[in-house]
Amino acid sequence: MQYSVLFKGERCEDYGILPMERPNIPAPTKDREKIAVPGNSGILIMDNKRYEPINIPVEFNFLAKENEWNEIFRRAKRWLSGSGELEFSDDAEYFYKVSYVDVDTCERDSRRVGRFTADFTCDPFTYLKSGKFEYDRSEVLYNPYYEAHPMYKITGEGVCTLSVNGQEMRANIGQNLTIDTERMIAYRTDGIMNNTAVSGDYQDLYLREGSNQIEITAGFDLKVIPNWRSI
């Protein structure tokens, strides 16, 4: 099967371009501060408990008629812009979250052949496609991956308490409410923001690696989109 790159749900072949080779995926590095202490040899390390973004360069080429060469490159640049999900066909169960893309100068190897590199700046984690689905509470109590920032979808009426590993968030539910711990916002299914409906810290609702406990007030229904991710 031909190796392919997908971005924002579209394949590179749809734009008449192909990757020249499989890209090298860098490992993310931790954000650490090195602190020199006067009078002491060596340094102190402060772990900021975050990872730096990663850059994934992908070199593409294409073959076109002379009068279509520029148009193919223009279409490719429009596609390779903005943010979205990046996938590689040899790692089909995972995707990367792209913040932005830089496209360099297209080199014209001949009248019909072009070559350029797209540099994808990504979140440091790889995300599982299976982590985008809704699950019952009991199905996400064990996290075999890295710490996850899930979405909690609550339906019901009135005030409820959502507890994750002993940490609580109170929410005033008017039919439905989504608590998005990644973006640290709360909203209704119709898109109306409702941050004032919750009290508590979003970080307390993260799913740690390994076993977790999730509880919600009786009478409310809870679904979880775990956003599984890995380093």
Protein backbone atom coordinates (compact mmCIF):
# COMPACT_ATOMS: atom_id res chain seq x y z
CA MET A 1 0.00 0.00 0.00
CA GLN A 2 1.27 3.46 -0.87
CA TYR A 3 2.50 5.54 2.05
CA SER A 4 0.24 8.52 2.64
CA VAL A 5 -0.05 11.65 4.79
CA LEU A 6 -3.44 12.89 5.99
CA PHE A 7 -4.07 16.40 7.26
CA LYS A 8 -7.43 17.87 8.27
CA GLY A 9 -9.09 14.67 7.03
CA GLU A 10 -7.68 14.87 3.48
CA ARG A 11 -4.95 12.80 1.86
CA CYS A 12 -1.92 14.22 0.11
CA GLU A 13 -2.82 12.25 -3.04
CA ASP A 14 -6.00 14.32 -3.33
CA TYR A 15 -3.73 17.31 -4.03
CA GLY A 16 -1.44 15.53 -6.47
CA ILE A 17 1.53 15.40 -4.09
CA LEU A 18 3.34 12.50 -2.43
CA PRO A 19 5.79 12.21 0.49
CA MET A 20 9.30 11.43 -0.66
CA GLU A 21 9.96 9.25 2.40
CA ARG A 22 8.58 8.46 5.82
CA PRO A 23 9.36 11.35 8.18
CA ASN A 24 11.46 11.02 11.31
CA ILE A 25 9.26 11.62 14.35
CA PRO A 26 11.16 13.40 17.14
CA ALA A 27 10.68 12.49 20.78
CA PRO A 28 9.33 15.40 22.84
CA THR A 29 11.67 17.02 25.34
CA LYS A 30 10.69 18.15 28.82
CA ASP A 31 10.61 21.84 29.66
CA ARG A 32 13.29 22.15 32.34
CA GLU A 33 14.96 25.17 33.89
CA LYS A 34 18.63 24.95 34.84
CA ILE A 35 19.43 27.04 37.90
CA ALA A 36 22.99 27.86 38.87
CA VAL A 37 23.47 28.31 42.62
CA PRO A 38 26.37 30.61 43.60
CA GLY A 39 28.94 28.79 45.68
CA ASN A 40 27.74 25.34 44.64
CA SER A 41 29.08 23.18 41.84
CA GLY A 42 26.65 21.85 39.25
CA ILE A 43 23.11 23.07 38.71
CA LEU A 44 19.60 22.60 40.06
CA ILE A 45 16.91 21.35 37.70
CA MET A 46 13.36 22.68 37.90
CA ASP A 47 10.87 20.45 36.08
CA ASN A 48 8.03 22.60 34.69
CA LYS A 49 5.94 19.46 34.20
CA ARG A 50 5.31 20.08 30.52
CA TYR A 51 6.76 19.03 27.18
CA GLU A 52 7.94 21.24 24.36
CA PRO A 53 6.11 21.12 21.00
CA ILE A 54 7.61 18.92 18.30
CA ASN A 55 8.32 19.68 14.63
CA ILE A 56 7.65 17.03 12.01
CA PRO A 57 9.12 17.92 8.58
CA VAL A 58 7.61 16.09 5.62
CA GLU A 59 9.19 16.43 2.18
CA PHE A 60 6.71 16.22 -0.71
CA ASN A 61 7.17 16.09 -4.45
CA PHE A 62 4.86 16.13 -7.43
CA LEU A 63 4.79 15.70 -11.19
CA ALA A 64 2.64 18.06 -13.25
CA LYS A 65 2.18 19.44 -16.70
CA GLU A 66 4.12 22.67 -17.21
CA ASN A 67 0.98 24.81 -17.26
CA GLU A 68 -0.37 23.13 -14.07
CA TRP A 69 2.81 23.16 -11.97
CA ASN A 70 2.11 26.43 -10.12
CA GLU A 71 -1.54 25.59 -9.53
CA ILE A 72 -0.67 22.28 -7.82
CA PHE A 73 1.73 24.08 -5.49
CA ARG A 74 -0.88 26.75 -4.73
CA ARG A 75 -3.49 24.10 -3.88
CA ALA A 76 -0.99 22.25 -1.68
CA LYS A 77 -0.17 25.47 0.23
CA ARG A 78 -3.86 26.14 0.86
CA TRP A 79 -4.26 22.62 2.24
CA LEU A 80 -1.09 22.80 4.33
CA SER A 81 -2.18 25.80 6.36
CA GLY A 82 -3.81 26.39 9.73
CA SER A 83 -4.31 23.76 12.41
CA GLY A 84 -5.80 20.27 12.40
CA GLU A 85 -5.08 16.59 12.86
CA LEU A 86 -2.08 14.97 11.17
CA GLU A 87 -2.02 11.24 10.43
CA PHE A 88 0.44 8.85 8.81
CA SER A 89 -0.79 5.72 7.04
CA ASP A 90 1.72 3.44 8.80
CA ASP A 91 0.44 4.55 12.25
CA ALA A 92 -3.26 4.54 11.52
CA GLU A 93 -4.56 4.37 15.11
CA TYR A 94 -2.88 7.61 16.20
CA PHE A 95 -2.84 11.26 15.19
CA TYR A 96 -0.99 14.48 16.03
CA LYS A 97 -2.56 17.83 16.87
CA VAL A 98 -1.02 20.45 14.58
CA SER A 99 -0.81 24.07 15.74
CA TYR A 100 0.47 25.45 12.42
CA VAL A 101 2.38 24.49 9.28
CA ASP A 102 5.28 26.21 7.54
CA VAL A 103 5.82 25.45 3.84
CA ASP A 104 9.21 26.32 2.34
CA THR A 105 10.17 27.29 -1.20
CA CYS A 106 9.21 24.79 -3.86
CA GLU A 107 12.27 23.69 -5.80
CA ARG A 108 11.66 23.04 -9.46
CA ASP A 109 13.81 20.04 -10.27
CA SER A 110 12.62 20.16 -13.88
CA ARG A 111 9.85 21.82 -15.84
CA ARG A 112 7.38 19.28 -14.49
CA VAL A 113 8.77 18.14 -11.12
CA GLY A 114 8.45 20.11 -7.89
CA ARG A 115 9.73 19.46 -4.38
CA PHE A 116 9.06 21.23 -1.07
CA THR A 117 8.98 20.59 2.70
CA ALA A 118 6.05 21.13 5.03
CA ASP A 119 7.09 21.59 8.67
CA PHE A 120 4.26 20.62 11.05
CA THR A 121 4.48 22.14 14.54
CA CYS A 122 2.57 19.75 16.80
CA ASP A 123 1.46 19.13 20.34
CA PRO A 124 4.13 16.87 21.90
CA PHE A 125 1.73 13.94 22.33
CA THR A 126 0.32 11.36 19.95
CA TYR A 127 -3.41 10.88 20.40
CA LEU A 128 -5.41 7.69 19.96
CA LYS A 129 -8.36 7.84 17.61
CA SER A 130 -10.22 5.58 20.04
CA GLY A 131 -9.89 8.34 22.64
CA LYS A 132 -12.28 10.59 20.69
CA PHE A 133 -15.30 8.33 21.32
CA GLU A 134 -17.81 8.54 24.17
CA TYR A 135 -17.55 5.90 26.89
CA ASP A 136 -19.43 4.98 30.03
CA ARG A 137 -17.67 5.91 33.26
CA SER A 138 -16.76 2.28 34.00
CA GLU A 139 -14.91 1.95 30.67
CA VAL A 140 -12.33 4.68 31.36
CA LEU A 141 -11.38 3.92 34.96
CA TYR A 142 -8.06 2.45 33.84
CA ASN A 143 -5.75 4.65 31.79
CA PRO A 144 -2.90 2.63 30.20
CA TYR A 145 -1.43 5.77 28.58
CA TYR A 146 -0.12 9.16 29.68
CA GLU A 147 -2.16 11.53 31.88
CA ALA A 148 -5.33 12.37 29.91
CA HIS A 149 -7.38 15.56 29.72
CA PRO A 150 -10.91 14.23 29.15
CA MET A 151 -14.28 15.75 28.34
CA TYR A 152 -17.17 14.96 30.67
CA LYS A 153 -20.68 15.11 29.19
CA ILE A 154 -23.37 15.34 31.87
CA THR A 155 -27.12 15.23 31.34
CA GLY A 156 -29.74 15.88 34.00
CA GLU A 157 -31.31 18.76 35.89
CA GLY A 158 -30.01 20.54 38.97
CA VAL A 159 -26.75 20.71 40.91
CA CYS A 160 -24.44 17.70 40.84
CA THR A 161 -20.95 16.84 42.01
CA LEU A 162 -18.42 15.18 39.72
CA SER A 163 -15.61 13.48 41.63
CA VAL A 164 -12.39 12.22 40.02
CA ASN A 165 -9.85 10.53 42.28
CA GLY A 166 -11.34 12.27 45.30
CA GLN A 167 -11.23 15.76 43.74
CA GLU A 168 -14.61 17.41 43.18
CA MET A 169 -16.21 19.85 40.77
CA ARG A 170 -19.76 21.11 41.34
CA ALA A 171 -21.90 21.80 38.30
CA ASN A 172 -25.32 23.33 37.80
CA ILE A 173 -26.83 21.32 34.98
CA GLY A 174 -29.66 22.64 32.83
CA GLN A 175 -30.42 19.55 30.72
CA ASN A 176 -26.80 19.09 29.62
CA LEU A 177 -23.28 20.36 30.17
CA THR A 178 -19.88 19.45 28.70
CA ILE A 179 -16.81 19.98 30.88
CA ASP A 180 -13.71 20.19 28.67
CA THR A 181 -10.61 19.84 30.84
CA GLU A 182 -8.19 20.35 27.93
CA ARG A 183 -9.53 23.80 27.01
CA MET A 184 -10.74 24.47 30.58
CA ILE A 185 -14.22 25.49 29.52
CA ALA A 186 -17.81 24.33 30.10
CA TYR A 187 -20.57 24.61 27.51
CA ARG A 188 -23.94 23.23 26.42
CA THR A 189 -24.43 20.96 23.42
CA ASP A 190 -25.87 23.92 21.50
CA GLY A 191 -22.48 25.62 21.85
CA ILE A 192 -23.48 28.20 24.47
CA MET A 193 -20.62 28.82 26.91
CA ASN A 194 -21.51 28.15 30.55
CA ASN A 195 -18.31 28.47 32.59
CA THR A 196 -20.25 29.98 35.48
CA ALA A 197 -22.12 26.69 35.89
CA VAL A 198 -19.06 24.96 37.39
CA SER A 199 -16.90 25.53 40.45
CA GLY A 200 -13.63 23.72 41.02
CA ASP A 201 -10.35 23.16 39.18
CA TYR A 202 -10.35 21.55 35.74
CA GLN A 203 -6.92 20.03 36.44
CA ASP A 204 -8.45 17.98 39.25
CA LEU A 205 -10.50 16.07 36.68
CA TYR A 206 -7.55 14.73 34.68
CA LEU A 207 -7.25 10.96 34.33
CA ARG A 208 -3.93 9.87 35.76
CA GLU A 209 -1.94 6.98 34.38
CA GLY A 210 -3.21 3.71 35.82
CA SER A 211 -6.33 3.28 37.95
CA ASN A 212 -8.84 6.10 38.47
CA GLN A 213 -12.07 6.65 40.38
CA ILE A 214 -14.96 8.61 38.86
CA GLU A 215 -18.23 9.30 40.66
CA ILE A 216 -21.24 11.52 39.95
CA THR A 217 -24.35 12.45 41.92
CA ALA A 218 -27.19 9.93 41.53
CA GLY A 219 -29.79 10.90 38.97
CA PHE A 220 -27.31 12.33 36.45
CA ASP A 221 -25.97 10.55 33.36
CA LEU A 222 -22.26 10.79 32.57
CA LYS A 223 -20.33 10.02 29.39
CA VAL A 224 -16.57 10.49 29.07
CA ILE A 225 -14.44 11.29 26.02
CA PRO A 226 -11.03 10.35 27.46
CA ASN A 227 -8.68 11.91 24.85
CA TRP A 228 -6.15 9.11 25.36
CA ARG A 229 -2.64 10.24 24.53
CA SER A 230 0.92 8.93 24.63
CA ILE A 231 4.44 10.31 24.51
